[in-house]
Every structure is written in structure tokens, then in C-alpha cells.
Amino acid sequence: MPKANDRIGPYQLINKLGKGAFGEVWLAKNVTALAAREVALKIPLDDEIDLDSIRAEAAIWIKASGHANVLPIIEANVYDDYVVIASEYAPDGSLEQWLKNHGGRAPWQQLTWIRRKPSATKGG
């Protein structure tokens, strides 16, 4: 498995954000000739990668990317024998961590509560 400061294609790994059944997610920098952007880089654990399942996951992710609660995919590609899926990086952490930190309420539930509270205080 990769480690911090390794480069995979245009990405420099910074630190591991988490690990799941599919693989590891890393905070990485997409370093180009003119800019550097932080991304979340998903790297499968299994050496025997089923590229058709990766394509299917990427296609679903692309379709869902217009949803307010889904981070957009940047790319799915193969670099240096690593299959990667890059998405926008959410610096506030995972949804699971958000739920732990906010009493089980998802971000959109928090916004609904904030939006409704003033009208509730006015008797309506």
C-alpha cells in the first residue's frame, strides 16, 4: 500500500483519511504545472482489481454528483499500476464523523432546523 509523500500520477499523498471494505481514502494534492489542489483519493485494497466494477462505481458517482450531498468525482483512472478515484475533498470530515459530532443529525437536517426555528418562535 502507498504511504505519505508517495506520488501516484499527478497526485502526492498527504495523509490517510480512512479505510473501508473497498480501500483507503487519502488526502492528496493534484499537482499540475500551474496549480495544486487538494482532493480525496480512493485507492482499492485488492491487487486483483475488477475494472468493470470500478467503471460502474465511477458512472454511478458521476450521475449522483449533481446532488447537494454528494461530492463531485474528478476522475477515475489508472496511474503507475494504481487504480484511483479522485473526488473533491471535504475538509470537515466524513458524514459518519459529522453524525457523531452533531447528535445524529445530518448536515441537511441541521439546515432545515435552523431555517424552521425562527418561524417556530413567531408562533407559526
C-alpha atoms as a PDB file:
ATOM      1  CA  MET A   1       0.000   0.000   0.000  1.00  0.00           C
ATOM      2  CA  PRO A   2       1.084   3.562  -0.576  1.00  0.00           C
ATOM      3  CA  LYS A   3       2.392   5.862   2.137  1.00  0.00           C
ATOM      4  CA  ALA A   4       2.508   9.608   2.788  1.00  0.00           C
ATOM      5  CA  ASN A   5       4.535  11.623   0.258  1.00  0.00           C
ATOM      6  CA  ASP A   6       4.256   8.892  -2.401  1.00  0.00           C
ATOM      7  CA  ARG A   7       3.200  10.103  -5.838  1.00  0.00           C
ATOM      8  CA  ILE A   8       0.576   8.362  -7.909  1.00  0.00           C
ATOM      9  CA  GLY A   9       0.286  10.019 -11.293  1.00  0.00           C
ATOM     10  CA  PRO A  10      -0.318  13.727 -10.678  1.00  0.00           C
ATOM     11  CA  TYR A  11      -1.238  13.125  -7.014  1.00  0.00           C
ATOM     12  CA  GLN A  12       1.040  13.487  -3.997  1.00  0.00           C
ATOM     13  CA  LEU A  13      -0.330  11.627  -0.973  1.00  0.00           C
ATOM     14  CA  ILE A  14      -0.518  13.715   2.184  1.00  0.00           C
ATOM     15  CA  ASN A  15      -2.196  11.529   4.820  1.00  0.00           C
ATOM     16  CA  LYS A  16      -4.622   8.645   5.039  1.00  0.00           C
ATOM     17  CA  LEU A  17      -8.172   9.768   5.849  1.00  0.00           C
ATOM     18  CA  GLY A  18      -9.760   6.369   6.297  1.00  0.00           C
ATOM     19  CA  LYS A  19     -10.099   2.772   5.254  1.00  0.00           C
ATOM     20  CA  GLY A  20     -13.126   0.740   4.263  1.00  0.00           C
ATOM     21  CA  ALA A  21     -14.025  -2.537   2.600  1.00  0.00           C
ATOM     22  CA  PHE A  22     -13.168  -1.126  -0.839  1.00  0.00           C
ATOM     23  CA  GLY A  23      -9.893   0.550   0.000  1.00  0.00           C
ATOM     24  CA  GLU A  24      -8.161   3.517   1.523  1.00  0.00           C
ATOM     25  CA  VAL A  25      -9.013   7.183   1.113  1.00  0.00           C
ATOM     26  CA  TRP A  26      -6.153   9.646   1.124  1.00  0.00           C
ATOM     27  CA  LEU A  27      -5.905  13.391   1.260  1.00  0.00           C
ATOM     28  CA  ALA A  28      -3.754  14.145  -1.769  1.00  0.00           C
ATOM     29  CA  LYS A  29      -2.615  17.111  -3.800  1.00  0.00           C
ATOM     30  CA  ASN A  30      -3.274  17.129  -7.503  1.00  0.00           C
ATOM     31  CA  VAL A  31      -0.089  18.867  -8.580  1.00  0.00           C
ATOM     32  CA  THR A  32      -0.003  20.298 -12.089  1.00  0.00           C
ATOM     33  CA  ALA A  33       2.414  22.665 -13.786  1.00  0.00           C
ATOM     34  CA  LEU A  34       0.310  25.679 -12.775  1.00  0.00           C
ATOM     35  CA  ALA A  35      -1.684  24.757  -9.665  1.00  0.00           C
ATOM     36  CA  ALA A  36      -2.106  22.350  -6.755  1.00  0.00           C
ATOM     37  CA  ARG A  37      -5.498  21.274  -5.461  1.00  0.00           C
ATOM     38  CA  GLU A  38      -6.392  19.051  -2.501  1.00  0.00           C
ATOM     39  CA  VAL A  39      -8.509  16.016  -3.383  1.00  0.00           C
ATOM     40  CA  ALA A  40      -9.748  12.839  -1.746  1.00  0.00           C
ATOM     41  CA  LEU A  41      -8.110   9.898  -3.478  1.00  0.00           C
ATOM     42  CA  LYS A  42      -9.745   6.492  -3.177  1.00  0.00           C
ATOM     43  CA  ILE A  43      -7.361   3.574  -3.754  1.00  0.00           C
ATOM     44  CA  PRO A  44      -8.644  -0.043  -3.813  1.00  0.00           C
ATOM     45  CA  LEU A  45      -7.057  -2.503  -1.376  1.00  0.00           C
ATOM     46  CA  ASP A  46      -7.303  -5.538  -3.616  1.00  0.00           C
ATOM     47  CA  ASP A  47      -4.453  -6.170  -6.046  1.00  0.00           C
ATOM     48  CA  GLU A  48      -6.882  -8.013  -8.332  1.00  0.00           C
ATOM     49  CA  ILE A  49      -8.965  -5.021  -9.408  1.00  0.00           C
ATOM     50  CA  ASP A  50     -12.185  -5.554 -11.327  1.00  0.00           C
ATOM     51  CA  LEU A  51     -12.036  -2.587 -13.685  1.00  0.00           C
ATOM     52  CA  ASP A  52     -15.656  -3.142 -14.740  1.00  0.00           C
ATOM     53  CA  SER A  53     -16.814  -2.654 -11.132  1.00  0.00           C
ATOM     54  CA  ILE A  54     -14.646   0.489 -10.852  1.00  0.00           C
ATOM     55  CA  ARG A  55     -16.184   1.814 -14.083  1.00  0.00           C
ATOM     56  CA  ALA A  56     -19.670   1.056 -12.729  1.00  0.00           C
ATOM     57  CA  GLU A  57     -18.935   2.824  -9.414  1.00  0.00           C
ATOM     58  CA  ALA A  58     -17.482   5.844 -11.238  1.00  0.00           C
ATOM     59  CA  ALA A  59     -20.534   6.019 -13.537  1.00  0.00           C
ATOM     60  CA  ILE A  60     -22.912   5.960 -10.562  1.00  0.00           C
ATOM     61  CA  TRP A  61     -20.832   8.595  -8.791  1.00  0.00           C
ATOM     62  CA  ILE A  62     -20.898  10.830 -11.871  1.00  0.00           C
ATOM     63  CA  LYS A  63     -24.701  10.518 -12.086  1.00  0.00           C
ATOM     64  CA  ALA A  64     -25.047  11.358  -8.375  1.00  0.00           C
ATOM     65  CA  SER A  65     -22.586  14.278  -8.492  1.00  0.00           C
ATOM     66  CA  GLY A  66     -25.338  16.819  -9.114  1.00  0.00           C
ATOM     67  CA  HIS A  67     -26.881  16.033  -5.716  1.00  0.00           C
ATOM     68  CA  ALA A  68     -26.152  18.540  -2.954  1.00  0.00           C
ATOM     69  CA  ASN A  69     -24.916  15.819  -0.566  1.00  0.00           C
ATOM     70  CA  VAL A  70     -22.542  14.053  -2.971  1.00  0.00           C
ATOM     71  CA  LEU A  71     -19.034  15.314  -3.612  1.00  0.00           C
ATOM     72  CA  PRO A  72     -18.244  15.502  -7.323  1.00  0.00           C
ATOM     73  CA  ILE A  73     -15.912  12.950  -8.834  1.00  0.00           C
ATOM     74  CA  ILE A  74     -12.882  14.453 -10.536  1.00  0.00           C
ATOM     75  CA  GLU A  75     -11.627  11.354 -12.298  1.00  0.00           C
ATOM     76  CA  ALA A  76     -11.259   7.591 -12.221  1.00  0.00           C
ATOM     77  CA  ASN A  77      -8.006   6.431 -13.754  1.00  0.00           C
ATOM     78  CA  VAL A  78      -5.013   4.112 -13.589  1.00  0.00           C
ATOM     79  CA  TYR A  79      -1.597   5.513 -12.701  1.00  0.00           C
ATOM     80  CA  ASP A  80       1.584   3.560 -12.019  1.00  0.00           C
ATOM     81  CA  ASP A  81      -0.388   0.304 -11.536  1.00  0.00           C
ATOM     82  CA  TYR A  82      -2.731   2.023  -9.056  1.00  0.00           C
ATOM     83  CA  VAL A  83      -6.425   2.404  -9.771  1.00  0.00           C
ATOM     84  CA  VAL A  84      -7.644   5.670  -8.264  1.00  0.00           C
ATOM     85  CA  ILE A  85     -10.892   7.555  -7.947  1.00  0.00           C
ATOM     86  CA  ALA A  86     -10.373  11.231  -7.172  1.00  0.00           C
ATOM     87  CA  SER A  87     -13.128  13.420  -5.772  1.00  0.00           C
ATOM     88  CA  GLU A  88     -13.418  16.809  -4.158  1.00  0.00           C
ATOM     89  CA  TYR A  89     -12.034  16.836  -0.640  1.00  0.00           C
ATOM     90  CA  ALA A  90     -14.424  17.640   2.228  1.00  0.00           C
ATOM     91  CA  PRO A  91     -12.246  19.181   4.953  1.00  0.00           C
ATOM     92  CA  ASP A  92     -14.995  18.804   7.568  1.00  0.00           C
ATOM     93  CA  GLY A  93     -14.642  15.015   7.556  1.00  0.00           C
ATOM     94  CA  SER A  94     -16.917  12.139   6.742  1.00  0.00           C
ATOM     95  CA  LEU A  95     -20.689  12.038   7.113  1.00  0.00           C
ATOM     96  CA  GLU A  96     -20.183   9.409   9.826  1.00  0.00           C
ATOM     97  CA  GLN A  97     -17.993  11.818  11.822  1.00  0.00           C
ATOM     98  CA  TRP A  98     -20.490  14.665  11.259  1.00  0.00           C
ATOM     99  CA  LEU A  99     -23.283  12.500  12.708  1.00  0.00           C
ATOM    100  CA  LYS A 100     -21.172  11.676  15.773  1.00  0.00           C
ATOM    101  CA  ASN A 101     -20.328  15.353  16.297  1.00  0.00           C
ATOM    102  CA  HIS A 102     -23.877  16.640  15.758  1.00  0.00           C
ATOM    103  CA  GLY A 103     -26.098  14.274  17.708  1.00  0.00           C
ATOM    104  CA  GLY A 104     -27.002  12.055  14.769  1.00  0.00           C
ATOM    105  CA  ARG A 105     -28.306  14.914  12.611  1.00  0.00           C
ATOM    106  CA  ALA A 106     -27.117  15.053   9.017  1.00  0.00           C
ATOM    107  CA  PRO A 107     -25.987  18.439   7.601  1.00  0.00           C
ATOM    108  CA  TRP A 108     -29.219  18.966   5.659  1.00  0.00           C
ATOM    109  CA  GLN A 109     -31.251  18.223   8.819  1.00  0.00           C
ATOM    110  CA  GLN A 110     -29.284  20.898  10.669  1.00  0.00           C
ATOM    111  CA  LEU A 111     -30.044  23.434   7.942  1.00  0.00           C
ATOM    112  CA  THR A 112     -33.742  22.564   7.986  1.00  0.00           C
ATOM    113  CA  TRP A 113     -33.840  23.021  11.747  1.00  0.00           C
ATOM    114  CA  ILE A 114     -32.091  26.392  11.540  1.00  0.00           C
ATOM    115  CA  ARG A 115     -34.418  27.548   8.770  1.00  0.00           C
ATOM    116  CA  ARG A 116     -37.547  26.494  10.684  1.00  0.00           C
ATOM    117  CA  LYS A 117     -36.581  27.713  14.142  1.00  0.00           C
ATOM    118  CA  PRO A 118     -37.281  31.448  13.603  1.00  0.00           C
ATOM    119  CA  SER A 119     -40.808  30.823  12.302  1.00  0.00           C
ATOM    120  CA  ALA A 120     -41.486  28.492  15.244  1.00  0.00           C
ATOM    121  CA  THR A 121     -40.601  31.300  17.685  1.00  0.00           C
ATOM    122  CA  LYS A 122     -43.114  33.591  15.982  1.00  0.00           C
ATOM    123  CA  GLY A 123     -45.934  31.188  16.689  1.00  0.00           C
ATOM    124  CA  GLY A 124     -46.145  29.854  13.143  1.00  0.00           C
END
